[in-house]
Amino acid sequence: MRKELGIFILLVVLCIIVSIKNPQFISNANIQNMSRLIGMYGIFSIGAGIVIITGGIDLSIGSILALFGVVLSIMLTEWHWPAIVALAVILAFGAFLGTIHGLLITRIKVQPFIVTLCGLLIYRGLARYIANDSTRGFGTGEGFKWLAYLATGSFLHVPMPFVLLIIVAVIMWVVLHRSVYGRYLLAVGNNEEAARYSGLNSKNIITAAYIISGVLAGIASILVAFYTNSISPSSHGNFYELYAIAAAVLGGCSLRGGEGSIIGILIGTALLQVLRNLVNLLEIPGSLDFAVMGTVILIGVIADQLVKKRSSKMVKVKAAVRS
C-alpha cells in the first residue's frame, strides 16, 4: 500500500504542476481525451501486470492489437458478421493466444521473453499479410455503431473506455486480492518452486495469467481500433506493450514477480498518460516521448531494486538481533 500511496502523491503533484504551467490541462476536452486513453491503456496494462506478477512478461500486446484490429475490420466490413459474433471471436482468439503462450512457457519451458517476442513478430507479420499491408477501417459503422460507442461514446459524460476500465479493474481486483487464485498467483510469482512443493499447480496458474492478458488485450484491441478508425498493420499498436510494462512497473509490480496491485497499475497508467500529456502541453519535442517512457521504466526498476535490498538488510538485522 505504501508504494501505491507514493505513486498517487506523485501523480497529484505532477497534475498540479502541469495545470499551473498550462491551464489547458484541466480543460474539459483534455480531461475527456485523457480519460479515454487511460481507459484503453489501463485495460491491457492490467493484463500485462498480471503476467508480470508471475515473474513473466508479455511483449506481444501491441502486435495483438494490430492483428485483432485488422481481423475485426474484415469481419465487420467485408464478411458482414454480426457485431456480437465478431466481439466473441476476438475475445476467444485472445484467450487462445494467451493459452498458447502459457503452454509454451509452462510445458515446453521456453522463456516468457522469447515466447512473447516471437508472438510480437508473428502477429505483426500476420496482420500485415492478412491486410495486404493496407490500412483498414470501419467506415461509417453502419450495423455495429453500438460497438463503436464503447470506444467513442460517453456514459453520464464519462468516456466509455474509462467506464469499462473501472468494471475490468473491479473484477480483477476481486480476482487478485480477494480470491484463492489471486493468493496462489502471488505465491507462484514470489517463489514458483516453493509454491509447487506446497501443492499448487503453478503451471495452470501461470497459464491462466497469460489467458487473462490475452482476453484483456482483445478488449483493448476493439476499443483502440474504433478509437483510431484506422488500422495500419505495420504501425498500429507499436510499443503499446512497453506502455503496459511501464504502467505496471510504475504501479508497483515487481519485475521479479510476486508483487503488484490493480490500484497501483491504474495509478501507473494515469501517471504515464499525464507524462505523455505533459510532453504535448509543455511543447516538449514529441521525439522525447519514448525517452520519457524509458526513463520511467528505468527509475521504476532501480527503485524496486533498492527497496528489495533494503528489505533484505532489514530481515538480516532482525535475525541478528533475535539471535
C-alpha atoms as a PDB file:
ATOM      1  CA  MET A   1       0.000   0.000   0.000  1.00  0.00           C
ATOM      2  CA  ARG A   2       2.967   2.289   0.659  1.00  0.00           C
ATOM      3  CA  LYS A   3       4.057   2.086  -2.998  1.00  0.00           C
ATOM      4  CA  GLU A   4       0.576   2.955  -4.259  1.00  0.00           C
ATOM      5  CA  LEU A   5       0.352   5.936  -1.910  1.00  0.00           C
ATOM      6  CA  GLY A   6       3.739   7.227  -3.035  1.00  0.00           C
ATOM      7  CA  ILE A   7       2.919   6.977  -6.748  1.00  0.00           C
ATOM      8  CA  PHE A   8      -0.507   8.554  -6.145  1.00  0.00           C
ATOM      9  CA  ILE A   9       1.091  11.546  -4.407  1.00  0.00           C
ATOM     10  CA  LEU A  10       3.493  11.857  -7.335  1.00  0.00           C
ATOM     11  CA  LEU A  11       0.530  11.796  -9.737  1.00  0.00           C
ATOM     12  CA  VAL A  12      -1.291  14.553  -7.828  1.00  0.00           C
ATOM     13  CA  VAL A  13       1.834  16.739  -7.618  1.00  0.00           C
ATOM     14  CA  LEU A  14       2.513  16.270 -11.320  1.00  0.00           C
ATOM     15  CA  CYS A  15      -1.081  17.189 -12.217  1.00  0.00           C
ATOM     16  CA  ILE A  16      -0.865  20.370 -10.122  1.00  0.00           C
ATOM     17  CA  ILE A  17       2.442  21.389 -11.718  1.00  0.00           C
ATOM     18  CA  VAL A  18       1.201  20.776 -15.273  1.00  0.00           C
ATOM     19  CA  SER A  19      -2.101  22.604 -14.659  1.00  0.00           C
ATOM     20  CA  ILE A  20      -0.188  25.624 -13.310  1.00  0.00           C
ATOM     21  CA  LYS A  21       2.171  25.600 -16.290  1.00  0.00           C
ATOM     22  CA  ASN A  22      -0.667  25.153 -18.771  1.00  0.00           C
ATOM     23  CA  PRO A  23      -4.293  25.638 -17.612  1.00  0.00           C
ATOM     24  CA  GLN A  24      -5.436  23.776 -20.731  1.00  0.00           C
ATOM     25  CA  PHE A  25      -4.518  20.596 -18.851  1.00  0.00           C
ATOM     26  CA  ILE A  26      -7.675  20.855 -16.721  1.00  0.00           C
ATOM     27  CA  SER A  27      -9.949  21.792 -19.625  1.00  0.00           C
ATOM     28  CA  ASN A  28     -12.951  19.528 -20.127  1.00  0.00           C
ATOM     29  CA  ALA A  29     -11.787  18.444 -23.607  1.00  0.00           C
ATOM     30  CA  ASN A  30      -8.316  17.450 -22.370  1.00  0.00           C
ATOM     31  CA  ILE A  31      -9.629  15.586 -19.332  1.00  0.00           C
ATOM     32  CA  GLN A  32     -12.146  13.726 -21.513  1.00  0.00           C
ATOM     33  CA  ASN A  33      -9.478  12.712 -24.005  1.00  0.00           C
ATOM     34  CA  MET A  34      -7.023  11.707 -21.295  1.00  0.00           C
ATOM     35  CA  SER A  35      -9.697   9.631 -19.517  1.00  0.00           C
ATOM     36  CA  ARG A  36     -10.480   7.845 -22.757  1.00  0.00           C
ATOM     37  CA  LEU A  37      -6.807   6.990 -23.289  1.00  0.00           C
ATOM     38  CA  ILE A  38      -6.357   5.920 -19.662  1.00  0.00           C
ATOM     39  CA  GLY A  39      -9.338   3.594 -20.119  1.00  0.00           C
ATOM     40  CA  MET A  40      -7.927   1.907 -23.231  1.00  0.00           C
ATOM     41  CA  TYR A  41      -4.342   1.693 -21.994  1.00  0.00           C
ATOM     42  CA  GLY A  42      -5.394   0.670 -18.500  1.00  0.00           C
ATOM     43  CA  ILE A  43      -7.253  -2.435 -19.664  1.00  0.00           C
ATOM     44  CA  PHE A  44      -4.301  -4.065 -21.406  1.00  0.00           C
ATOM     45  CA  SER A  45      -1.909  -2.749 -18.729  1.00  0.00           C
ATOM     46  CA  ILE A  46      -3.818  -4.748 -16.103  1.00  0.00           C
ATOM     47  CA  GLY A  47      -3.294  -7.853 -18.238  1.00  0.00           C
ATOM     48  CA  ALA A  48       0.420  -7.102 -18.542  1.00  0.00           C
ATOM     49  CA  GLY A  49       0.598  -6.524 -14.775  1.00  0.00           C
ATOM     50  CA  ILE A  50      -0.991  -9.892 -14.003  1.00  0.00           C
ATOM     51  CA  VAL A  51       1.661 -11.575 -16.155  1.00  0.00           C
ATOM     52  CA  ILE A  52       4.460  -9.575 -14.517  1.00  0.00           C
ATOM     53  CA  ILE A  53       3.247 -10.723 -11.087  1.00  0.00           C
ATOM     54  CA  THR A  54       4.025 -14.307 -12.195  1.00  0.00           C
ATOM     55  CA  GLY A  55       7.597 -13.210 -12.933  1.00  0.00           C
ATOM     56  CA  GLY A  56       6.908 -13.264 -16.676  1.00  0.00           C
ATOM     57  CA  ILE A  57       6.445 -10.630 -19.344  1.00  0.00           C
ATOM     58  CA  ASP A  58       4.219 -10.093 -22.393  1.00  0.00           C
ATOM     59  CA  LEU A  59       5.854  -8.325 -25.329  1.00  0.00           C
ATOM     60  CA  SER A  60       3.171  -9.255 -27.839  1.00  0.00           C
ATOM     61  CA  ILE A  61       0.387  -6.893 -26.751  1.00  0.00           C
ATOM     62  CA  GLY A  62       0.968  -4.226 -29.417  1.00  0.00           C
ATOM     63  CA  SER A  63       1.079  -6.783 -32.233  1.00  0.00           C
ATOM     64  CA  ILE A  64      -2.050  -8.478 -30.870  1.00  0.00           C
ATOM     65  CA  LEU A  65      -3.845  -5.126 -31.061  1.00  0.00           C
ATOM     66  CA  ALA A  66      -2.782  -4.776 -34.706  1.00  0.00           C
ATOM     67  CA  LEU A  67      -3.808  -8.322 -35.643  1.00  0.00           C
ATOM     68  CA  PHE A  68      -7.145  -8.168 -33.840  1.00  0.00           C
ATOM     69  CA  GLY A  69      -7.877  -4.715 -35.279  1.00  0.00           C
ATOM     70  CA  VAL A  70      -7.341  -5.979 -38.829  1.00  0.00           C
ATOM     71  CA  VAL A  71      -9.389  -9.146 -38.245  1.00  0.00           C
ATOM     72  CA  LEU A  72     -12.210  -7.172 -36.590  1.00  0.00           C
ATOM     73  CA  SER A  73     -12.365  -4.757 -39.518  1.00  0.00           C
ATOM     74  CA  ILE A  74     -12.558  -7.621 -42.024  1.00  0.00           C
ATOM     75  CA  MET A  75     -15.245  -9.449 -40.051  1.00  0.00           C
ATOM     76  CA  LEU A  76     -17.449  -6.352 -39.798  1.00  0.00           C
ATOM     77  CA  THR A  77     -16.933  -4.594 -43.148  1.00  0.00           C
ATOM     78  CA  GLU A  78     -16.160  -7.431 -45.581  1.00  0.00           C
ATOM     79  CA  TRP A  79     -17.745 -10.534 -44.125  1.00  0.00           C
ATOM     80  CA  HIS A  80     -20.593  -8.543 -42.504  1.00  0.00           C
ATOM     81  CA  TRP A  81     -20.670 -10.698 -39.395  1.00  0.00           C
ATOM     82  CA  PRO A  82     -22.972  -9.608 -36.546  1.00  0.00           C
ATOM     83  CA  ALA A  83     -21.081  -7.323 -34.161  1.00  0.00           C
ATOM     84  CA  ILE A  84     -21.728  -9.577 -31.165  1.00  0.00           C
ATOM     85  CA  VAL A  85     -20.246 -12.563 -33.021  1.00  0.00           C
ATOM     86  CA  ALA A  86     -17.162 -10.557 -34.059  1.00  0.00           C
ATOM     87  CA  LEU A  87     -16.735  -9.428 -30.441  1.00  0.00           C
ATOM     88  CA  ALA A  88     -16.954 -13.007 -29.171  1.00  0.00           C
ATOM     89  CA  VAL A  89     -14.437 -14.216 -31.782  1.00  0.00           C
ATOM     90  CA  ILE A  90     -11.903 -11.538 -30.802  1.00  0.00           C
ATOM     91  CA  LEU A  91     -12.169 -12.393 -27.099  1.00  0.00           C
ATOM     92  CA  ALA A  92     -11.958 -16.126 -27.812  1.00  0.00           C
ATOM     93  CA  PHE A  93      -8.946 -15.514 -30.052  1.00  0.00           C
ATOM     94  CA  GLY A  94      -7.297 -13.545 -27.244  1.00  0.00           C
ATOM     95  CA  ALA A  95      -7.883 -16.412 -24.809  1.00  0.00           C
ATOM     96  CA  PHE A  96      -6.492 -18.865 -27.382  1.00  0.00           C
ATOM     97  CA  LEU A  97      -3.266 -16.909 -27.915  1.00  0.00           C
ATOM     98  CA  GLY A  98      -2.876 -16.497 -24.149  1.00  0.00           C
ATOM     99  CA  THR A  99      -3.269 -20.259 -23.747  1.00  0.00           C
ATOM    100  CA  ILE A 100      -0.590 -20.915 -26.380  1.00  0.00           C
ATOM    101  CA  HIS A 101       1.785 -18.522 -24.603  1.00  0.00           C
ATOM    102  CA  GLY A 102       1.107 -20.127 -21.238  1.00  0.00           C
ATOM    103  CA  LEU A 103       1.570 -23.695 -22.509  1.00  0.00           C
ATOM    104  CA  LEU A 104       4.833 -22.870 -24.260  1.00  0.00           C
ATOM    105  CA  ILE A 105       6.153 -21.235 -21.082  1.00  0.00           C
ATOM    106  CA  THR A 106       4.968 -23.813 -18.544  1.00  0.00           C
ATOM    107  CA  ARG A 107       5.057 -27.081 -20.518  1.00  0.00           C
ATOM    108  CA  ILE A 108       7.865 -26.559 -23.034  1.00  0.00           C
ATOM    109  CA  LYS A 109       9.797 -24.336 -20.599  1.00  0.00           C
ATOM    110  CA  VAL A 110      10.518 -21.581 -23.118  1.00  0.00           C
ATOM    111  CA  GLN A 111      11.367 -18.236 -21.511  1.00  0.00           C
ATOM    112  CA  PRO A 112       8.418 -15.780 -21.432  1.00  0.00           C
ATOM    113  CA  PHE A 113      10.605 -13.154 -23.094  1.00  0.00           C
ATOM    114  CA  ILE A 114      11.268 -15.435 -26.083  1.00  0.00           C
ATOM    115  CA  VAL A 115       7.681 -16.681 -26.404  1.00  0.00           C
ATOM    116  CA  THR A 116       6.113 -13.243 -26.406  1.00  0.00           C
ATOM    117  CA  LEU A 117       8.898 -11.703 -28.500  1.00  0.00           C
ATOM    118  CA  CYS A 118       8.190 -14.337 -31.161  1.00  0.00           C
ATOM    119  CA  GLY A 119       4.492 -13.502 -30.744  1.00  0.00           C
ATOM    120  CA  LEU A 120       5.280  -9.834 -31.334  1.00  0.00           C
ATOM    121  CA  LEU A 121       6.921 -10.701 -34.657  1.00  0.00           C
ATOM    122  CA  ILE A 122       4.446 -13.392 -35.767  1.00  0.00           C
ATOM    123  CA  TYR A 123       1.256 -11.435 -35.032  1.00  0.00           C
ATOM    124  CA  ARG A 124       2.597  -8.271 -36.658  1.00  0.00           C
ATOM    125  CA  GLY A 125       3.545 -10.278 -39.736  1.00  0.00           C
ATOM    126  CA  LEU A 126       0.132 -11.944 -39.861  1.00  0.00           C
ATOM    127  CA  ALA A 127      -1.611  -8.580 -39.545  1.00  0.00           C
ATOM    128  CA  ARG A 128       0.370  -7.209 -42.473  1.00  0.00           C
ATOM    129  CA  TYR A 129      -0.251 -10.331 -44.561  1.00  0.00           C
ATOM    130  CA  ILE A 130      -3.991 -10.508 -43.874  1.00  0.00           C
ATOM    131  CA  ALA A 131      -4.454  -6.787 -44.589  1.00  0.00           C
ATOM    132  CA  ASN A 132      -2.138  -6.988 -47.610  1.00  0.00           C
ATOM    133  CA  ASP A 133      -0.170  -4.179 -45.928  1.00  0.00           C
ATOM    134  CA  SER A 134      -3.059  -1.781 -46.467  1.00  0.00           C
ATOM    135  CA  THR A 135      -4.814   0.395 -43.898  1.00  0.00           C
ATOM    136  CA  ARG A 136      -8.153  -0.885 -42.623  1.00  0.00           C
ATOM    137  CA  GLY A 137     -11.061   0.920 -41.011  1.00  0.00           C
ATOM    138  CA  PHE A 138     -14.755   0.721 -40.213  1.00  0.00           C
ATOM    139  CA  GLY A 139     -16.232   3.424 -42.452  1.00  0.00           C
ATOM    140  CA  THR A 140     -19.498   4.831 -41.146  1.00  0.00           C
ATOM    141  CA  GLY A 141     -20.004   1.932 -38.744  1.00  0.00           C
ATOM    142  CA  GLU A 142     -23.446   1.017 -40.035  1.00  0.00           C
ATOM    143  CA  GLY A 143     -24.729  -2.090 -38.302  1.00  0.00           C
ATOM    144  CA  PHE A 144     -22.275  -2.012 -35.423  1.00  0.00           C
ATOM    145  CA  LYS A 145     -22.484   1.516 -34.049  1.00  0.00           C
ATOM    146  CA  TRP A 146     -23.042   0.186 -30.524  1.00  0.00           C
ATOM    147  CA  LEU A 147     -19.614  -1.422 -30.719  1.00  0.00           C
ATOM    148  CA  ALA A 148     -18.059   1.859 -31.851  1.00  0.00           C
ATOM    149  CA  TYR A 149     -19.907   3.578 -28.980  1.00  0.00           C
ATOM    150  CA  LEU A 150     -17.822   1.552 -26.499  1.00  0.00           C
ATOM    151  CA  ALA A 151     -14.730   3.381 -27.761  1.00  0.00           C
ATOM    152  CA  THR A 152     -16.036   6.799 -28.746  1.00  0.00           C
ATOM    153  CA  GLY A 153     -19.153   7.297 -26.636  1.00  0.00           C
ATOM    154  CA  SER A 154     -19.712   8.520 -23.079  1.00  0.00           C
ATOM    155  CA  PHE A 155     -21.896   7.484 -20.165  1.00  0.00           C
ATOM    156  CA  LEU A 156     -23.008  10.377 -17.944  1.00  0.00           C
ATOM    157  CA  HIS A 157     -20.210  12.463 -19.506  1.00  0.00           C
ATOM    158  CA  VAL A 158     -17.647   9.797 -18.611  1.00  0.00           C
ATOM    159  CA  PRO A 159     -15.846   8.244 -21.631  1.00  0.00           C
ATOM    160  CA  MET A 160     -16.943   4.642 -22.147  1.00  0.00           C
ATOM    161  CA  PRO A 161     -13.384   3.229 -22.210  1.00  0.00           C
ATOM    162  CA  PHE A 162     -12.879   4.664 -18.725  1.00  0.00           C
ATOM    163  CA  VAL A 163     -16.168   3.115 -17.576  1.00  0.00           C
ATOM    164  CA  LEU A 164     -15.082  -0.250 -18.995  1.00  0.00           C
ATOM    165  CA  LEU A 165     -11.707   0.127 -17.271  1.00  0.00           C
ATOM    166  CA  ILE A 166     -13.415   0.600 -13.909  1.00  0.00           C
ATOM    167  CA  ILE A 167     -15.530  -2.523 -14.496  1.00  0.00           C
ATOM    168  CA  VAL A 168     -12.481  -4.563 -15.514  1.00  0.00           C
ATOM    169  CA  ALA A 169     -10.453  -3.166 -12.604  1.00  0.00           C
ATOM    170  CA  VAL A 170     -13.122  -4.085 -10.035  1.00  0.00           C
ATOM    171  CA  ILE A 171     -13.345  -7.629 -11.398  1.00  0.00           C
ATOM    172  CA  MET A 172      -9.573  -8.046 -11.489  1.00  0.00           C
ATOM    173  CA  TRP A 173      -9.209  -6.502  -8.008  1.00  0.00           C
ATOM    174  CA  VAL A 174     -11.508  -9.209  -6.659  1.00  0.00           C
ATOM    175  CA  VAL A 175      -9.617 -11.881  -8.633  1.00  0.00           C
ATOM    176  CA  LEU A 176      -6.168 -10.748  -7.465  1.00  0.00           C
ATOM    177  CA  HIS A 177      -6.843  -9.568  -3.919  1.00  0.00           C
ATOM    178  CA  ARG A 178      -9.917 -11.476  -2.741  1.00  0.00           C
ATOM    179  CA  SER A 179      -9.819 -14.859  -4.448  1.00  0.00           C
ATOM    180  CA  VAL A 180      -7.922 -18.094  -3.919  1.00  0.00           C
ATOM    181  CA  TYR A 181      -6.468 -17.793  -7.411  1.00  0.00           C
ATOM    182  CA  GLY A 182      -5.066 -14.348  -6.559  1.00  0.00           C
ATOM    183  CA  ARG A 183      -3.297 -15.683  -3.466  1.00  0.00           C
ATOM    184  CA  TYR A 184      -1.902 -18.574  -5.475  1.00  0.00           C
ATOM    185  CA  LEU A 185      -0.791 -16.205  -8.247  1.00  0.00           C
ATOM    186  CA  LEU A 186       1.179 -14.033  -5.824  1.00  0.00           C
ATOM    187  CA  ALA A 187       2.663 -17.119  -4.196  1.00  0.00           C
ATOM    188  CA  VAL A 188       3.801 -18.566  -7.531  1.00  0.00           C
ATOM    189  CA  GLY A 189       5.273 -15.233  -8.575  1.00  0.00           C
ATOM    190  CA  ASN A 190       7.124 -14.888  -5.298  1.00  0.00           C
ATOM    191  CA  ASN A 191       8.653 -18.372  -5.415  1.00  0.00           C
ATOM    192  CA  GLU A 192       7.378 -20.820  -8.031  1.00  0.00           C
ATOM    193  CA  GLU A 193       9.361 -23.778  -6.731  1.00  0.00           C
ATOM    194  CA  ALA A 194       8.192 -23.307  -3.148  1.00  0.00           C
ATOM    195  CA  ALA A 195       4.602 -22.892  -4.354  1.00  0.00           C
ATOM    196  CA  ARG A 196       4.855 -26.117  -6.355  1.00  0.00           C
ATOM    197  CA  TYR A 197       6.209 -28.018  -3.343  1.00  0.00           C
ATOM    198  CA  SER A 198       3.279 -26.625  -1.347  1.00  0.00           C
ATOM    199  CA  GLY A 199       0.916 -28.424  -3.689  1.00  0.00           C
ATOM    200  CA  LEU A 200      -0.028 -25.568  -6.029  1.00  0.00           C
ATOM    201  CA  ASN A 201      -0.424 -26.273  -9.738  1.00  0.00           C
ATOM    202  CA  SER A 202       1.913 -23.495 -10.803  1.00  0.00           C
ATOM    203  CA  LYS A 203       1.634 -24.417 -14.495  1.00  0.00           C
ATOM    204  CA  ASN A 204      -2.112 -23.822 -14.604  1.00  0.00           C
ATOM    205  CA  ILE A 205      -1.851 -20.672 -12.513  1.00  0.00           C
ATOM    206  CA  ILE A 206       0.737 -19.113 -14.840  1.00  0.00           C
ATOM    207  CA  THR A 207      -1.151 -20.216 -17.966  1.00  0.00           C
ATOM    208  CA  ALA A 208      -4.313 -18.580 -16.601  1.00  0.00           C
ATOM    209  CA  ALA A 209      -2.404 -15.305 -16.164  1.00  0.00           C
ATOM    210  CA  TYR A 210      -1.476 -15.299 -19.856  1.00  0.00           C
ATOM    211  CA  ILE A 211      -5.070 -16.117 -20.796  1.00  0.00           C
ATOM    212  CA  ILE A 212      -6.243 -13.106 -18.777  1.00  0.00           C
ATOM    213  CA  SER A 213      -3.679 -10.933 -20.544  1.00  0.00           C
ATOM    214  CA  GLY A 214      -4.854 -12.200 -23.941  1.00  0.00           C
ATOM    215  CA  VAL A 215      -8.521 -11.536 -23.204  1.00  0.00           C
ATOM    216  CA  LEU A 216      -7.852  -8.034 -21.868  1.00  0.00           C
ATOM    217  CA  ALA A 217      -5.691  -7.312 -24.927  1.00  0.00           C
ATOM    218  CA  GLY A 218      -8.668  -8.436 -27.018  1.00  0.00           C
ATOM    219  CA  ILE A 219     -10.990  -5.991 -25.253  1.00  0.00           C
ATOM    220  CA  ALA A 220      -8.476  -3.171 -25.640  1.00  0.00           C
ATOM    221  CA  SER A 221      -7.927  -4.020 -29.320  1.00  0.00           C
ATOM    222  CA  ILE A 222     -11.600  -3.344 -30.053  1.00  0.00           C
ATOM    223  CA  LEU A 223     -11.538  -0.004 -28.247  1.00  0.00           C
ATOM    224  CA  VAL A 224      -8.279   1.169 -29.836  1.00  0.00           C
ATOM    225  CA  ALA A 225      -9.382   0.082 -33.328  1.00  0.00           C
ATOM    226  CA  PHE A 226     -12.631   2.042 -33.158  1.00  0.00           C
ATOM    227  CA  TYR A 227     -10.954   4.988 -31.445  1.00  0.00           C
ATOM    228  CA  THR A 228      -8.464   5.411 -34.288  1.00  0.00           C
ATOM    229  CA  ASN A 229     -10.805   4.052 -37.025  1.00  0.00           C
ATOM    230  CA  SER A 230      -7.606   3.498 -38.979  1.00  0.00           C
ATOM    231  CA  ILE A 231      -5.602   0.306 -38.565  1.00  0.00           C
ATOM    232  CA  SER A 232      -2.252   0.366 -40.320  1.00  0.00           C
ATOM    233  CA  PRO A 233      -0.932  -3.171 -39.722  1.00  0.00           C
ATOM    234  CA  SER A 234       2.699  -2.063 -39.759  1.00  0.00           C
ATOM    235  CA  SER A 235       2.335   0.604 -37.061  1.00  0.00           C
ATOM    236  CA  HIS A 236      -0.960   0.096 -35.206  1.00  0.00           C
ATOM    237  CA  GLY A 237      -0.227  -0.647 -31.544  1.00  0.00           C
ATOM    238  CA  ASN A 238       3.518  -0.127 -31.898  1.00  0.00           C
ATOM    239  CA  PHE A 239       5.255  -0.037 -28.480  1.00  0.00           C
ATOM    240  CA  TYR A 240       1.958  -0.437 -26.601  1.00  0.00           C
ATOM    241  CA  GLU A 241       3.472  -3.378 -24.745  1.00  0.00           C
ATOM    242  CA  LEU A 242       6.122  -1.006 -23.398  1.00  0.00           C
ATOM    243  CA  TYR A 243       3.454   1.396 -22.175  1.00  0.00           C
ATOM    244  CA  ALA A 244       1.781  -1.527 -20.403  1.00  0.00           C
ATOM    245  CA  ILE A 245       5.024  -2.668 -18.772  1.00  0.00           C
ATOM    246  CA  ALA A 246       5.871   0.898 -17.748  1.00  0.00           C
ATOM    247  CA  ALA A 247       2.418   1.406 -16.211  1.00  0.00           C
ATOM    248  CA  ALA A 248       2.652  -1.862 -14.265  1.00  0.00           C
ATOM    249  CA  VAL A 249       6.186  -1.150 -13.012  1.00  0.00           C
ATOM    250  CA  LEU A 250       5.238   2.398 -12.058  1.00  0.00           C
ATOM    251  CA  GLY A 251       2.244   0.986 -10.201  1.00  0.00           C
ATOM    252  CA  GLY A 252       4.400  -1.229  -8.008  1.00  0.00           C
ATOM    253  CA  CYS A 253       4.544  -4.510  -9.938  1.00  0.00           C
ATOM    254  CA  SER A 254       7.948  -6.055  -9.364  1.00  0.00           C
ATOM    255  CA  LEU A 255       9.666  -7.460 -12.452  1.00  0.00           C
ATOM    256  CA  ARG A 256      10.925 -10.188 -10.116  1.00  0.00           C
ATOM    257  CA  GLY A 257       7.326 -11.330  -9.652  1.00  0.00           C
ATOM    258  CA  GLY A 258       5.166 -11.887  -6.600  1.00  0.00           C
ATOM    259  CA  GLU A 259       4.223  -8.264  -6.051  1.00  0.00           C
ATOM    260  CA  GLY A 260       1.666  -5.876  -7.533  1.00  0.00           C
ATOM    261  CA  SER A 261      -1.831  -4.473  -7.207  1.00  0.00           C
ATOM    262  CA  ILE A 262      -4.670  -3.443  -9.507  1.00  0.00           C
ATOM    263  CA  ILE A 263      -4.946   0.001  -7.914  1.00  0.00           C
ATOM    264  CA  GLY A 264      -1.221   0.514  -8.427  1.00  0.00           C
ATOM    265  CA  ILE A 265      -1.499  -0.388 -12.119  1.00  0.00           C
ATOM    266  CA  LEU A 266      -4.369   2.092 -12.546  1.00  0.00           C
ATOM    267  CA  ILE A 267      -2.347   4.862 -10.914  1.00  0.00           C
ATOM    268  CA  GLY A 268       0.683   3.925 -13.021  1.00  0.00           C
ATOM    269  CA  THR A 269      -1.409   4.104 -16.204  1.00  0.00           C
ATOM    270  CA  ALA A 270      -2.778   7.513 -15.239  1.00  0.00           C
ATOM    271  CA  LEU A 271       0.699   8.804 -14.378  1.00  0.00           C
ATOM    272  CA  LEU A 272       2.076   7.616 -17.710  1.00  0.00           C
ATOM    273  CA  GLN A 273      -0.705   9.360 -19.629  1.00  0.00           C
ATOM    274  CA  VAL A 274      -0.173  12.560 -17.636  1.00  0.00           C
ATOM    275  CA  LEU A 275       3.514  12.400 -18.552  1.00  0.00           C
ATOM    276  CA  ARG A 276       2.640  11.995 -22.240  1.00  0.00           C
ATOM    277  CA  ASN A 277       0.149  14.842 -21.954  1.00  0.00           C
ATOM    278  CA  LEU A 278       2.834  16.947 -20.295  1.00  0.00           C
ATOM    279  CA  VAL A 279       5.107  16.386 -23.302  1.00  0.00           C
ATOM    280  CA  ASN A 280       2.407  17.791 -25.592  1.00  0.00           C
ATOM    281  CA  LEU A 281       1.162  20.688 -23.471  1.00  0.00           C
ATOM    282  CA  LEU A 282       4.598  21.962 -22.481  1.00  0.00           C
ATOM    283  CA  GLU A 283       5.712  21.777 -26.113  1.00  0.00           C
ATOM    284  CA  ILE A 284       8.471  19.315 -25.339  1.00  0.00           C
ATOM    285  CA  PRO A 285       9.636  17.677 -28.608  1.00  0.00           C
ATOM    286  CA  GLY A 286       7.467  14.637 -29.341  1.00  0.00           C
ATOM    287  CA  SER A 287      10.607  12.695 -30.187  1.00  0.00           C
ATOM    288  CA  LEU A 288      11.331  12.599 -26.446  1.00  0.00           C
ATOM    289  CA  ASP A 289       8.114  10.667 -25.754  1.00  0.00           C
ATOM    290  CA  PHE A 290       9.866   7.285 -25.785  1.00  0.00           C
ATOM    291  CA  ALA A 291      12.823   8.723 -23.883  1.00  0.00           C
ATOM    292  CA  VAL A 292      10.444   9.763 -21.098  1.00  0.00           C
ATOM    293  CA  MET A 293       8.875   6.288 -21.057  1.00  0.00           C
ATOM    294  CA  GLY A 294      12.285   4.570 -20.987  1.00  0.00           C
ATOM    295  CA  THR A 295      13.420   6.784 -18.136  1.00  0.00           C
ATOM    296  CA  VAL A 296      10.260   5.991 -16.200  1.00  0.00           C
ATOM    297  CA  ILE A 297      10.791   2.228 -16.583  1.00  0.00           C
ATOM    298  CA  LEU A 298      14.445   2.549 -15.545  1.00  0.00           C
ATOM    299  CA  ILE A 299      13.557   4.580 -12.454  1.00  0.00           C
ATOM    300  CA  GLY A 300      10.899   2.025 -11.521  1.00  0.00           C
ATOM    301  CA  VAL A 301      13.305  -0.904 -11.836  1.00  0.00           C
ATOM    302  CA  ILE A 302      16.036   0.908  -9.856  1.00  0.00           C
ATOM    303  CA  ALA A 303      13.548   1.806  -7.122  1.00  0.00           C
ATOM    304  CA  ASP A 304      12.373  -1.809  -6.947  1.00  0.00           C
ATOM    305  CA  GLN A 305      15.982  -2.985  -6.677  1.00  0.00           C
ATOM    306  CA  LEU A 306      16.741  -0.537  -3.855  1.00  0.00           C
ATOM    307  CA  VAL A 307      13.590  -1.494  -1.955  1.00  0.00           C
ATOM    308  CA  LYS A 308      14.463  -5.188  -2.257  1.00  0.00           C
ATOM    309  CA  LYS A 309      17.984  -4.572  -0.954  1.00  0.00           C
ATOM    310  CA  ARG A 310      16.697  -2.509   1.958  1.00  0.00           C
ATOM    311  CA  SER A 311      14.129  -5.175   2.864  1.00  0.00           C
ATOM    312  CA  SER A 312      16.802  -7.872   2.708  1.00  0.00           C
ATOM    313  CA  LYS A 313      19.069  -5.876   5.035  1.00  0.00           C
ATOM    314  CA  MET A 314      16.223  -5.285   7.490  1.00  0.00           C
ATOM    315  CA  VAL A 315      15.467  -9.024   7.592  1.00  0.00           C
ATOM    316  CA  LYS A 316      19.138  -9.796   8.293  1.00  0.00           C
ATOM    317  CA  VAL A 317      19.329  -7.159  11.032  1.00  0.00           C
ATOM    318  CA  LYS A 318      16.196  -8.505  12.737  1.00  0.00           C
ATOM    319  CA  ALA A 319      17.549 -12.049  12.521  1.00  0.00           C
ATOM    320  CA  ALA A 320      20.855 -10.922  14.059  1.00  0.00           C
ATOM    321  CA  VAL A 321      19.048  -9.127  16.900  1.00  0.00           C
ATOM    322  CA  ARG A 322      16.929 -12.182  17.694  1.00  0.00           C
ATOM    323  CA  SER A 323      19.964 -14.448  17.773  1.00  0.00           C
END
